[in-house]
C-alpha atoms as a PDB file:
ATOM      1  CA  UNK A   1      50.888  67.339  35.624  1.00  0.00           C
ATOM      2  CA  UNK A   2      51.534  71.250  36.739  1.00  0.00           C
ATOM      3  CA  UNK A   3      53.230  73.169  35.016  1.00  0.00           C
ATOM      4  CA  UNK A   4      56.298  75.457  37.365  1.00  0.00           C
ATOM      5  CA  UNK A   5      58.328  78.418  36.463  1.00  0.00           C
ATOM      6  CA  UNK A   6      62.263  77.931  37.780  1.00  0.00           C
ATOM      7  CA  UNK A   7      64.130  81.654  37.982  1.00  0.00           C
ATOM      8  CA  UNK A   8      67.512  81.467  38.859  1.00  0.00           C
ATOM      9  CA  UNK A   9      69.090  84.800  39.329  1.00  0.00           C
ATOM     10  CA  UNK A  10      73.584  83.523  39.162  1.00  0.00           C
ATOM     11  CA  UNK A  11      76.392  84.303  42.251  1.00  0.00           C
ATOM     12  CA  UNK A  12      77.527  88.161  42.648  1.00  0.00           C
ATOM     13  CA  UNK A  13      80.845  87.504  43.311  1.00  0.00           C
ATOM     14  CA  UNK A  14      82.543  87.782  40.136  1.00  0.00           C
ATOM     15  CA  UNK A  15      82.496  84.372  39.780  1.00  0.00           C
ATOM     16  CA  UNK A  16      79.289  83.591  38.056  1.00  0.00           C
ATOM     17  CA  UNK A  17      80.973  83.364  34.213  1.00  0.00           C
ATOM     18  CA  UNK A  18      83.237  81.422  34.234  1.00  0.00           C
ATOM     19  CA  UNK A  19      81.598  78.682  36.702  1.00  0.00           C
ATOM     20  CA  UNK A  20      78.935  79.106  33.705  1.00  0.00           C
ATOM     21  CA  UNK A  21      81.617  78.762  30.836  1.00  0.00           C
ATOM     22  CA  UNK A  22      83.057  75.397  32.757  1.00  0.00           C
ATOM     23  CA  UNK A  23      79.982  74.038  33.786  1.00  0.00           C
ATOM     24  CA  UNK A  24      77.734  74.390  30.715  1.00  0.00           C
ATOM     25  CA  UNK A  25      78.226  71.200  28.744  1.00  0.00           C
ATOM     26  CA  UNK A  26      77.535  69.261  31.668  1.00  0.00           C
ATOM     27  CA  UNK A  27      74.251  70.799  32.433  1.00  0.00           C
ATOM     28  CA  UNK A  28      73.163  71.389  28.476  1.00  0.00           C
ATOM     29  CA  UNK A  29      73.674  66.946  28.874  1.00  0.00           C
ATOM     30  CA  UNK A  30      71.795  67.007  32.113  1.00  0.00           C
ATOM     31  CA  UNK A  31      69.149  68.871  30.832  1.00  0.00           C
ATOM     32  CA  UNK A  32      68.575  66.934  27.680  1.00  0.00           C
ATOM     33  CA  UNK A  33      67.106  63.817  30.199  1.00  0.00           C
ATOM     34  CA  UNK A  34      64.536  66.467  30.535  1.00  0.00           C
ATOM     35  CA  UNK A  35      63.793  67.572  27.197  1.00  0.00           C
ATOM     36  CA  UNK A  36      60.063  65.931  27.420  1.00  0.00           C
ATOM     37  CA  UNK A  37      59.363  68.402  30.559  1.00  0.00           C
ATOM     38  CA  UNK A  38      60.924  71.743  29.827  1.00  0.00           C
ATOM     39  CA  UNK A  39      58.473  73.568  27.702  1.00  0.00           C
ATOM     40  CA  UNK A  40      60.681  76.573  27.597  1.00  0.00           C
ATOM     41  CA  UNK A  41      63.914  77.808  28.927  1.00  0.00           C
ATOM     42  CA  UNK A  42      67.241  79.871  28.555  1.00  0.00           C
ATOM     43  CA  UNK A  43      69.634  81.941  30.146  1.00  0.00           C
ATOM     44  CA  UNK A  44      68.351  85.773  31.572  1.00  0.00           C
ATOM     45  CA  UNK A  45      70.455  88.046  30.497  1.00  0.00           C
ATOM     46  CA  UNK A  46      71.857  91.330  31.444  1.00  0.00           C
ATOM     47  CA  UNK A  47      71.615  95.214  30.001  1.00  0.00           C
ATOM     48  CA  UNK A  48      74.709  93.836  28.358  1.00  0.00           C
ATOM     49  CA  UNK A  49      73.350  90.546  27.373  1.00  0.00           C
ATOM     50  CA  UNK A  50      75.448  88.855  29.566  1.00  0.00           C
ATOM     51  CA  UNK A  51      74.312  85.761  30.884  1.00  0.00           C
ATOM     52  CA  UNK A  52      72.890  86.778  34.897  1.00  0.00           C
ATOM     53  CA  UNK A  53      70.476  83.467  35.563  1.00  0.00           C
ATOM     54  CA  UNK A  54      67.779  80.930  34.008  1.00  0.00           C
ATOM     55  CA  UNK A  55      64.317  80.764  33.578  1.00  0.00           C
ATOM     56  CA  UNK A  56      62.322  77.381  32.731  1.00  0.00           C
ATOM     57  CA  UNK A  57      58.945  76.765  32.257  1.00  0.00           C
ATOM     58  CA  UNK A  58      59.099  72.798  33.664  1.00  0.00           C
ATOM     59  CA  UNK A  59      55.827  70.156  33.373  1.00  0.00           C
ATOM     60  CA  UNK A  60      56.279  67.856  36.669  1.00  0.00           C
ATOM     61  CA  UNK A  61      54.249  66.684  39.030  1.00  0.00           C
ATOM     62  CA  UNK A  62      54.941  68.630  42.056  1.00  0.00           C
ATOM     63  CA  UNK A  63      57.316  71.175  43.422  1.00  0.00           C
ATOM     64  CA  UNK A  64      59.630  68.780  44.963  1.00  0.00           C
ATOM     65  CA  UNK A  65      59.957  66.857  41.863  1.00  0.00           C
ATOM     66  CA  UNK A  66      61.540  70.311  40.273  1.00  0.00           C
ATOM     67  CA  UNK A  67      63.157  71.118  43.370  1.00  0.00           C
ATOM     68  CA  UNK A  68      65.055  67.323  42.784  1.00  0.00           C
ATOM     69  CA  UNK A  69      65.535  68.409  39.070  1.00  0.00           C
ATOM     70  CA  UNK A  70      66.700  71.679  39.936  1.00  0.00           C
ATOM     71  CA  UNK A  71      69.338  70.745  43.403  1.00  0.00           C
ATOM     72  CA  UNK A  72      70.735  67.901  41.012  1.00  0.00           C
ATOM     73  CA  UNK A  73      71.832  70.244  37.833  1.00  0.00           C
ATOM     74  CA  UNK A  74      75.708  70.805  37.607  1.00  0.00           C
ATOM     75  CA  UNK A  75      74.863  74.713  37.128  1.00  0.00           C
ATOM     76  CA  UNK A  76      73.601  73.953  41.069  1.00  0.00           C
ATOM     77  CA  UNK A  77      76.029  71.597  42.395  1.00  0.00           C
ATOM     78  CA  UNK A  78      78.399  73.907  41.177  1.00  0.00           C
ATOM     79  CA  UNK A  79      76.920  76.829  43.174  1.00  0.00           C
ATOM     80  CA  UNK A  80      75.854  79.073  40.278  1.00  0.00           C
ATOM     81  CA  UNK A  81      73.217  80.706  41.663  1.00  0.00           C
ATOM     82  CA  UNK A  82      72.646  83.203  44.725  1.00  0.00           C
ATOM     83  CA  UNK A  83      68.397  82.789  44.523  1.00  0.00           C
ATOM     84  CA  UNK A  84      66.844  80.520  42.790  1.00  0.00           C
ATOM     85  CA  UNK A  85      62.666  80.372  43.145  1.00  0.00           C
ATOM     86  CA  UNK A  86      60.333  77.920  41.710  1.00  0.00           C
ATOM     87  CA  UNK A  87      56.524  78.631  41.544  1.00  0.00           C
ATOM     88  CA  UNK A  88      53.557  77.267  40.262  1.00  0.00           C
ATOM     89  CA  UNK A  89      52.200  78.382  36.834  1.00  0.00           C
ATOM     90  CA  UNK A  90      49.076  78.811  34.561  1.00  0.00           C
ATOM     91  CA  UNK A  91      50.134  79.046  30.543  1.00  0.00           C
ATOM     92  CA  UNK A  92      47.229  81.343  29.306  1.00  0.00           C
ATOM     93  CA  UNK A  93      48.805  83.679  26.927  1.00  0.00           C
ATOM     94  CA  UNK A  94      49.567  81.563  23.198  1.00  0.00           C
ATOM     95  CA  UNK A  95      48.742  78.343  25.284  1.00  0.00           C
ATOM     96  CA  UNK A  96      50.005  75.179  23.659  1.00  0.00           C
ATOM     97  CA  UNK A  97      47.933  73.087  22.249  1.00  0.00           C
ATOM     98  CA  UNK A  98      48.584  70.156  23.951  1.00  0.00           C
ATOM     99  CA  UNK A  99      48.412  71.721  27.534  1.00  0.00           C
ATOM    100  CA  UNK A 100      44.541  70.834  29.510  1.00  0.00           C
ATOM    101  CA  UNK A 101      41.864  73.413  29.078  1.00  0.00           C
ATOM    102  CA  UNK A 102      41.645  76.443  31.805  1.00  0.00           C
END
């Protein structure tokens, strides 16, 4: 398995907060099925402390698998994000003991 960072930025048309509030319960339920593979995750905050996106570190076989996981997320089904970046990640600092050695 490989690690990937998913970095999302919300749409900027003023609809993001309402979409996030409406869809959050479904998003959380959806993400529960990946709880053993999402190593870290949560909202990205703006200067006022409001959610303006999200970040996750996901363990997966491939980037395509992560892209499918993200595409099926209720947040993305509701078109919350304006931008989604998915990048390979090497956990170096404070590396969890269950990951293979570098």
